[in-house]
Amino acid sequence: MSAGYVPVSWSRSKLVYDGVLVLAVALFLVGYEKMAARAGLATTPIDEGSLVIRVFGACAFVLITCALAIGPLARLDQRFLPLLYNRRHLGVVTFAVAAAHAWATLDWYFAFSPLDPWRAMLASDTGFGVPHALPYIPFGIAGLLVLGLLAATSHDFWLKFLGPGFWKTLHVAIYAAYTCILIHLAFGALQSAQGLALPLLVMASAIGLVGLHLAAGLKDWRGRKVSGRQADAESWILVGAVSDIADGRALIVQPEEGEAIAVFNDGGTFSAVRNRCAHQNGPLGEGRVINGCIVCPWHGYEYRLSDGCSPPPFTEKVETYSLRLSDGLLQVKTIPNPLGHPATPVSIDKGTP
């Protein structure tokens, strides 16, 4: 969290993250260029300019694939969470590499065109009406523009200005960018690909991402308890037995209507909050309780269990919900309390089964 806005609030973890990211990109660029140059000697020689274009293009595709894989991987295994914390840095680097791919294309093929390079590039792609020659350049440009928009709005200032809901919805457009890039590849580089390396890479990327998202969605579905009946006519629903919630953890309850609710156990004291973090709508129910505060698993934002407020000097808040105990079962009221409103917790003796 940051109480004020700065270009980048550097920390040791961010420096390590960015250092490893930049090193990995550099190694990929150099390694791909060396391997592609050697492979070209055995097949069809490739000119230097085209090789640079392919190097940056392949790197951008691998980076966006990794960016899309981090989310479901973190949901499947919390050991991947450190990759999620600064994923926006990965997005910015992806745009920079994709922009280098576009610049190299313009510089190599259209720098000396009598037309503006962008107009010349679009005019050269005229496969309209031919299924196997669908114009692919506009899809590449569209993907680049989406990546640029996401990189430009990645800072927390835009997150606060646009609001977490709209900001998160906007950044889901990375899937549109990925789709555009797949079409760009399918009707571009794959049409002239020599060998199976590039087609297999693209196919494995698409199938792997779909599989990861399906697996993560299935895990979320299995781990989320949907209340099938009301406890009474006052919008109270059943949560379950107190023994169902591990100490320091939460049980996520999804009412038939409205927001998901995370019910936390803090040493036998139970409290309920909205399951969406005020920062990026992260799943608070997957976090843990430390010193009376919920710690969001995505970026470490903290909220007091007592009132849903972040400890000073931070000002983020999430709604709390009222709890009660009836016949040994926890019940939660689906109507949230006003922001910042304390909710009376339910306390259980440690000897209670």
Protein backbone atom coordinates (compact mmCIF):
# COMPACT_ATOMS: atom_id res chain seq x y z
CA MET A 1 0.00 0.00 0.00
CA SER A 2 1.06 3.57 -0.41
CA ALA A 3 -0.39 6.62 1.35
CA GLY A 4 0.74 8.88 -1.50
CA TYR A 5 1.40 8.44 -5.20
CA VAL A 6 4.95 8.19 -6.52
CA PRO A 7 6.10 6.94 -9.95
CA VAL A 8 7.22 3.62 -8.45
CA SER A 9 7.31 2.87 -4.73
CA TRP A 10 10.40 0.70 -4.91
CA SER A 11 10.92 -2.09 -2.43
CA ARG A 12 13.36 -4.97 -2.26
CA SER A 13 10.77 -7.39 -3.66
CA LYS A 14 10.03 -5.08 -6.61
CA LEU A 15 13.71 -4.63 -7.38
CA VAL A 16 14.25 -8.40 -7.33
CA TYR A 17 11.11 -8.96 -9.44
CA ASP A 18 12.12 -6.40 -12.05
CA GLY A 19 15.75 -7.52 -12.06
CA VAL A 20 14.79 -11.13 -12.73
CA LEU A 21 12.24 -10.03 -15.36
CA VAL A 22 14.71 -7.86 -17.29
CA LEU A 23 17.38 -10.59 -17.12
CA ALA A 24 14.93 -13.21 -18.38
CA VAL A 25 13.87 -10.97 -21.29
CA ALA A 26 17.51 -10.28 -22.21
CA LEU A 27 18.41 -13.97 -22.11
CA PHE A 28 15.38 -14.84 -24.23
CA LEU A 29 16.19 -12.20 -26.86
CA VAL A 30 19.84 -13.21 -27.13
CA GLY A 31 19.14 -16.95 -26.97
CA TYR A 32 16.33 -16.83 -29.53
CA GLU A 33 18.42 -14.78 -31.92
CA LYS A 34 21.36 -17.19 -31.69
CA MET A 35 19.20 -20.30 -32.13
CA ALA A 36 17.17 -18.77 -34.98
CA ALA A 37 20.32 -17.69 -36.79
CA ARG A 38 21.78 -21.20 -36.54
CA ALA A 39 18.52 -22.82 -37.63
CA GLY A 40 18.37 -20.48 -40.62
CA LEU A 41 21.71 -21.76 -41.90
CA ALA A 42 20.26 -25.25 -42.20
CA THR A 43 17.02 -24.16 -43.89
CA THR A 44 16.34 -20.78 -45.47
CA PRO A 45 18.69 -17.96 -44.48
CA ILE A 46 16.92 -15.06 -42.77
CA ASP A 47 17.93 -11.44 -43.10
CA GLU A 48 19.05 -9.54 -40.03
CA GLY A 49 16.07 -7.18 -39.92
CA SER A 50 13.49 -9.95 -40.13
CA LEU A 51 15.30 -11.87 -37.42
CA VAL A 52 15.09 -8.90 -35.03
CA ILE A 53 11.36 -8.57 -35.79
CA ARG A 54 10.79 -12.25 -35.00
CA VAL A 55 12.86 -12.09 -31.83
CA PHE A 56 10.82 -9.25 -30.34
CA GLY A 57 7.55 -10.75 -31.55
CA ALA A 58 8.24 -14.15 -30.00
CA CYS A 59 9.33 -12.54 -26.74
CA ALA A 60 6.17 -10.41 -26.55
CA PHE A 61 4.00 -13.50 -27.12
CA VAL A 62 5.76 -15.46 -24.38
CA LEU A 63 5.46 -12.52 -21.98
CA ILE A 64 1.71 -12.04 -22.49
CA THR A 65 1.22 -15.79 -22.11
CA CYS A 66 3.08 -15.70 -18.79
CA ALA A 67 1.07 -12.66 -17.64
CA LEU A 68 -2.20 -14.50 -18.30
CA ALA A 69 -0.96 -17.69 -16.65
CA ILE A 70 0.10 -16.09 -13.35
CA GLY A 71 -3.47 -15.45 -12.14
CA PRO A 72 -4.78 -19.03 -12.36
CA LEU A 73 -1.45 -20.45 -11.19
CA ALA A 74 -1.61 -18.30 -8.04
CA ARG A 75 -5.15 -19.54 -7.36
CA LEU A 76 -4.08 -23.15 -7.81
CA ASP A 77 -0.91 -22.89 -5.73
CA GLN A 78 -0.07 -20.02 -3.37
CA ARG A 79 3.65 -20.46 -4.07
CA PHE A 80 3.02 -18.50 -7.29
CA LEU A 81 1.62 -15.50 -5.39
CA PRO A 82 4.94 -13.57 -5.42
CA LEU A 83 4.67 -13.49 -9.21
CA LEU A 84 1.22 -11.92 -8.91
CA TYR A 85 2.15 -9.04 -6.59
CA ASN A 86 3.93 -7.00 -9.29
CA ARG A 87 2.32 -8.45 -12.40
CA ARG A 88 1.67 -4.93 -13.69
CA HIS A 89 5.44 -4.55 -14.16
CA LEU A 90 5.31 -7.62 -16.41
CA GLY A 91 2.50 -5.99 -18.38
CA VAL A 92 4.51 -2.81 -18.94
CA VAL A 93 7.53 -4.80 -20.12
CA THR A 94 5.27 -6.82 -22.45
CA PHE A 95 4.05 -3.60 -24.07
CA ALA A 96 7.62 -2.30 -24.41
CA VAL A 97 8.77 -5.49 -26.17
CA ALA A 98 5.67 -5.52 -28.41
CA ALA A 99 6.32 -1.86 -29.29
CA ALA A 100 9.91 -2.79 -30.18
CA HIS A 101 8.53 -5.48 -32.50
CA ALA A 102 6.29 -2.92 -34.23
CA TRP A 103 9.09 -0.35 -34.48
CA ALA A 104 11.49 -2.93 -35.96
CA THR A 105 8.85 -3.87 -38.56
CA LEU A 106 8.33 -0.25 -39.60
CA ASP A 107 12.06 0.48 -39.65
CA TRP A 108 13.02 -2.55 -41.72
CA TYR A 109 10.22 -2.75 -44.28
CA PHE A 110 8.70 0.70 -44.57
CA ALA A 111 11.32 3.26 -43.53
CA PHE A 112 11.96 4.30 -47.13
CA SER A 113 8.37 4.12 -48.36
CA PRO A 114 7.03 7.28 -50.08
CA LEU A 115 3.96 6.89 -47.85
CA ASP A 116 3.81 7.32 -44.11
CA PRO A 117 5.23 4.04 -42.67
CA TRP A 118 1.97 3.18 -40.85
CA ARG A 119 -0.11 3.80 -43.99
CA ALA A 120 2.34 1.82 -46.07
CA MET A 121 2.22 -1.11 -43.66
CA LEU A 122 -1.58 -1.22 -43.69
CA ALA A 123 -1.72 -0.81 -47.47
CA SER A 124 0.60 -3.80 -47.92
CA ASP A 125 -1.81 -6.12 -46.09
CA THR A 126 -4.57 -6.58 -48.69
CA GLY A 127 -5.81 -10.13 -48.26
CA PHE A 128 -9.45 -9.15 -47.81
CA GLY A 129 -11.92 -11.84 -48.86
CA VAL A 130 -9.31 -14.61 -48.91
CA PRO A 131 -9.83 -16.90 -45.87
CA HIS A 132 -6.24 -18.08 -45.60
CA ALA A 133 -4.87 -14.57 -46.16
CA LEU A 134 -6.96 -12.56 -43.70
CA PRO A 135 -5.28 -9.19 -43.05
CA TYR A 136 -3.25 -9.80 -39.91
CA ILE A 137 -1.53 -6.45 -39.40
CA PRO A 138 -4.65 -4.65 -38.06
CA PHE A 139 -4.99 -7.35 -35.38
CA GLY A 140 -1.38 -6.83 -34.35
CA ILE A 141 -1.93 -3.07 -34.11
CA ALA A 142 -5.12 -3.61 -32.09
CA GLY A 143 -3.28 -5.89 -29.66
CA LEU A 144 -0.48 -3.34 -29.30
CA LEU A 145 -2.95 -0.51 -28.62
CA VAL A 146 -4.70 -2.53 -25.91
CA LEU A 147 -1.38 -3.38 -24.27
CA GLY A 148 -0.43 0.31 -24.42
CA LEU A 149 -3.69 1.34 -22.77
CA LEU A 150 -3.23 -1.20 -19.98
CA ALA A 151 0.40 -0.15 -19.43
CA ALA A 152 -0.56 3.54 -19.33
CA THR A 153 -3.29 2.91 -16.73
CA SER A 154 -1.38 0.40 -14.61
CA HIS A 155 -0.42 2.90 -11.89
CA ASP A 156 -2.37 3.02 -8.63
CA PHE A 157 -3.40 6.60 -9.44
CA TRP A 158 -5.58 5.29 -12.29
CA LEU A 159 -6.82 2.46 -10.11
CA LYS A 160 -8.03 5.01 -7.55
CA PHE A 161 -9.31 7.47 -10.16
CA LEU A 162 -11.28 4.91 -12.18
CA GLY A 163 -12.36 2.80 -9.22
CA PRO A 164 -11.40 -0.85 -8.60
CA GLY A 165 -14.42 -2.27 -10.42
CA PHE A 166 -14.01 -0.32 -13.67
CA TRP A 167 -10.19 -0.55 -13.53
CA LYS A 168 -10.34 -4.33 -13.16
CA THR A 169 -12.88 -4.61 -15.97
CA LEU A 170 -10.66 -2.46 -18.18
CA HIS A 171 -7.64 -4.66 -17.53
CA VAL A 172 -9.56 -7.80 -18.46
CA ALA A 173 -9.02 -6.42 -21.99
CA ILE A 174 -5.67 -8.22 -21.90
CA TYR A 175 -7.63 -11.27 -23.09
CA ALA A 176 -8.76 -9.25 -26.12
CA ALA A 177 -5.12 -8.31 -26.75
CA TYR A 178 -4.09 -11.96 -26.51
CA THR A 179 -6.84 -12.98 -28.97
CA CYS A 180 -5.74 -10.29 -31.43
CA ILE A 181 -2.15 -11.47 -31.14
CA LEU A 182 -3.19 -15.09 -31.78
CA ILE A 183 -4.99 -14.00 -34.99
CA HIS A 184 -2.00 -11.85 -35.92
CA LEU A 185 0.24 -14.91 -35.60
CA ALA A 186 -2.15 -17.36 -37.27
CA PHE A 187 -2.46 -15.31 -40.47
CA GLY A 188 1.04 -13.84 -40.31
CA ALA A 189 4.08 -15.65 -38.99
CA LEU A 190 2.47 -19.10 -38.96
CA GLN A 191 1.73 -18.87 -42.70
CA SER A 192 5.44 -18.88 -43.46
CA ALA A 193 6.69 -20.86 -40.48
CA GLN A 194 9.35 -23.46 -41.20
CA GLY A 195 9.04 -26.52 -39.02
CA LEU A 196 6.69 -27.14 -36.12
CA ALA A 197 8.39 -25.12 -33.37
CA LEU A 198 6.33 -21.92 -33.70
CA PRO A 199 2.94 -23.61 -34.37
CA LEU A 200 3.47 -25.91 -31.38
CA LEU A 201 4.43 -22.95 -29.16
CA VAL A 202 1.27 -21.05 -30.11
CA MET A 203 -0.98 -24.09 -29.74
CA ALA A 204 0.53 -25.07 -26.39
CA SER A 205 0.09 -21.50 -25.14
CA ALA A 206 -3.62 -21.35 -26.03
CA ILE A 207 -4.44 -24.84 -24.75
CA GLY A 208 -2.36 -24.35 -21.60
CA LEU A 209 -4.04 -21.05 -20.71
CA VAL A 210 -7.53 -22.45 -21.23
CA GLY A 211 -6.66 -25.47 -19.09
CA LEU A 212 -5.22 -23.34 -16.27
CA HIS A 213 -8.26 -21.06 -16.15
CA LEU A 214 -10.65 -24.02 -16.16
CA ALA A 215 -8.71 -25.71 -13.35
CA ALA A 216 -8.62 -22.51 -11.27
CA GLY A 217 -12.33 -21.91 -11.86
CA LEU A 218 -13.14 -25.47 -10.79
CA LYS A 219 -11.09 -25.06 -7.62
CA ASP A 220 -12.90 -21.80 -6.79
CA TRP A 221 -16.26 -23.45 -7.40
CA ARG A 222 -15.44 -26.39 -5.16
CA GLY A 223 -14.08 -24.15 -2.41
CA ARG A 224 -17.00 -21.76 -2.34
CA LYS A 225 -20.02 -22.60 -0.22
CA VAL A 226 -23.32 -21.54 -1.74
CA SER A 227 -26.08 -21.15 0.79
CA GLY A 228 -29.12 -23.04 -0.38
CA ARG A 229 -31.64 -21.68 2.08
CA GLN A 230 -32.36 -18.72 4.25
CA ALA A 231 -32.01 -19.00 8.01
CA ASP A 232 -35.03 -16.75 8.45
CA ALA A 233 -36.94 -14.00 6.72
CA GLU A 234 -34.44 -11.26 7.71
CA SER A 235 -31.79 -12.06 5.09
CA TRP A 236 -29.76 -14.33 7.36
CA ILE A 237 -28.13 -17.33 5.67
CA LEU A 238 -26.29 -20.33 7.07
CA VAL A 239 -22.49 -20.35 7.07
CA GLY A 240 -21.80 -23.66 8.81
CA ALA A 241 -20.30 -25.04 11.97
CA VAL A 242 -17.55 -23.05 13.67
CA SER A 243 -15.27 -26.07 13.19
CA ASP A 244 -15.53 -25.61 9.42
CA ILE A 245 -13.31 -22.52 9.55
CA ALA A 246 -9.62 -22.97 10.35
CA ASP A 247 -7.97 -20.52 12.73
CA GLY A 248 -6.61 -17.51 10.83
CA ARG A 249 -8.53 -18.43 7.70
CA ALA A 250 -11.94 -17.84 6.16
CA LEU A 251 -14.88 -19.64 4.65
CA ILE A 252 -16.34 -17.93 1.58
CA VAL A 253 -20.12 -17.91 1.40
CA GLN A 254 -21.92 -16.93 -1.80
CA PRO A 255 -25.52 -15.83 -1.22
CA GLU A 256 -28.02 -16.51 -3.97
CA GLU A 257 -27.97 -12.76 -4.62
CA GLY A 258 -25.35 -10.14 -3.82
CA GLU A 259 -21.67 -10.16 -2.94
CA ALA A 260 -19.65 -13.12 -1.72
CA ILE A 261 -18.89 -12.94 2.00
CA ALA A 262 -15.70 -14.08 3.76
CA VAL A 263 -16.22 -15.32 7.34
CA PHE A 264 -12.92 -15.31 9.26
CA ASN A 265 -11.84 -17.17 12.38
CA ASP A 266 -9.36 -15.25 14.53
CA GLY A 267 -8.56 -17.50 17.48
CA GLY A 268 -12.19 -18.44 18.08
CA THR A 269 -13.57 -14.99 17.29
CA PHE A 270 -15.54 -14.85 14.05
CA SER A 271 -16.07 -11.81 11.81
CA ALA A 272 -17.41 -11.35 8.29
CA VAL A 273 -16.41 -8.94 5.52
CA ARG A 274 -17.02 -8.51 1.82
CA ASN A 275 -14.84 -10.92 -0.12
CA ARG A 276 -13.47 -8.25 -2.48
CA CYS A 277 -10.43 -6.15 -1.60
CA ALA A 278 -10.89 -2.41 -2.10
CA HIS A 279 -7.60 -2.25 -4.01
CA GLN A 280 -8.10 -4.55 -7.01
CA ASN A 281 -11.09 -6.66 -5.94
CA GLY A 282 -8.73 -9.40 -4.77
CA PRO A 283 -10.21 -12.43 -2.94
CA LEU A 284 -9.89 -11.46 0.74
CA GLY A 285 -11.26 -14.83 1.79
CA GLU A 286 -8.12 -16.48 0.45
CA GLY A 287 -5.97 -14.32 2.73
CA ARG A 288 -5.15 -14.84 6.38
CA VAL A 289 -5.47 -13.00 9.67
CA ILE A 290 -2.35 -11.43 11.22
CA ASN A 291 -2.58 -9.36 14.39
CA GLY A 292 -6.31 -8.83 14.00
CA CYS A 293 -6.08 -7.71 10.37
CA ILE A 294 -7.03 -9.51 7.19
CA VAL A 295 -4.12 -9.54 4.74
CA CYS A 296 -5.18 -9.67 1.08
CA PRO A 297 -3.28 -12.44 -0.74
CA TRP A 298 -2.77 -10.33 -3.86
CA HIS A 299 -0.92 -7.21 -2.73
CA GLY A 300 -0.90 -7.31 1.06
CA TYR A 301 -3.58 -4.69 1.74
CA GLU A 302 -4.77 -4.96 5.34
CA TYR A 303 -8.20 -4.51 6.93
CA ARG A 304 -9.19 -4.67 10.58
CA LEU A 305 -11.64 -7.46 11.31
CA SER A 306 -13.49 -5.24 13.74
CA ASP A 307 -14.65 -2.57 11.26
CA GLY A 308 -13.21 -3.42 7.82
CA CYS A 309 -10.94 -0.34 7.82
CA SER A 310 -7.26 -0.29 6.88
CA PRO A 311 -4.98 0.74 9.75
CA PRO A 312 -3.77 4.40 9.58
CA PRO A 313 -2.45 6.18 7.58
CA PHE A 314 -4.30 4.15 4.94
CA THR A 315 -7.93 4.80 4.17
CA GLU A 316 -9.25 1.76 2.27
CA LYS A 317 -12.42 0.12 3.63
CA VAL A 318 -14.52 -2.97 3.01
CA GLU A 319 -18.02 -3.68 4.25
CA THR A 320 -18.55 -5.82 7.34
CA TYR A 321 -21.48 -8.18 7.93
CA SER A 322 -23.31 -9.14 11.10
CA LEU A 323 -22.87 -12.68 12.43
CA ARG A 324 -24.80 -14.73 14.96
CA LEU A 325 -24.68 -18.23 16.40
CA SER A 326 -27.76 -20.46 16.42
CA ASP A 327 -27.75 -24.10 17.56
CA GLY A 328 -23.99 -24.29 17.08
CA LEU A 329 -24.14 -22.94 13.51
CA LEU A 330 -22.90 -19.58 12.28
CA GLN A 331 -25.30 -17.36 10.35
CA VAL A 332 -24.45 -14.20 8.44
CA LYS A 333 -26.73 -11.37 7.41
CA THR A 334 -26.46 -10.76 3.67
CA ILE A 335 -27.14 -7.02 4.00
CA PRO A 336 -23.77 -5.31 4.61
CA ASN A 337 -23.14 -2.73 7.29
CA PRO A 338 -22.19 0.80 6.19
CA LEU A 339 -18.52 1.27 5.34
CA GLY A 340 -16.44 1.72 8.48
CA HIS A 341 -19.26 0.47 10.71
CA PRO A 342 -18.02 -1.90 13.44
CA ALA A 343 -19.68 -5.31 13.59
CA THR A 344 -19.98 -7.25 16.81
CA PRO A 345 -17.95 -10.47 16.40
CA VAL A 346 -19.08 -13.91 17.53
CA SER A 347 -16.73 -15.39 20.13
CA ILE A 348 -16.46 -19.10 20.84
CA ASP A 349 -14.77 -20.70 23.82
CA LYS A 350 -11.71 -22.66 22.76
CA GLY A 351 -13.25 -25.74 24.28
CA THR A 352 -16.33 -25.56 22.09
CA PRO A 353 -16.42 -28.49 19.64
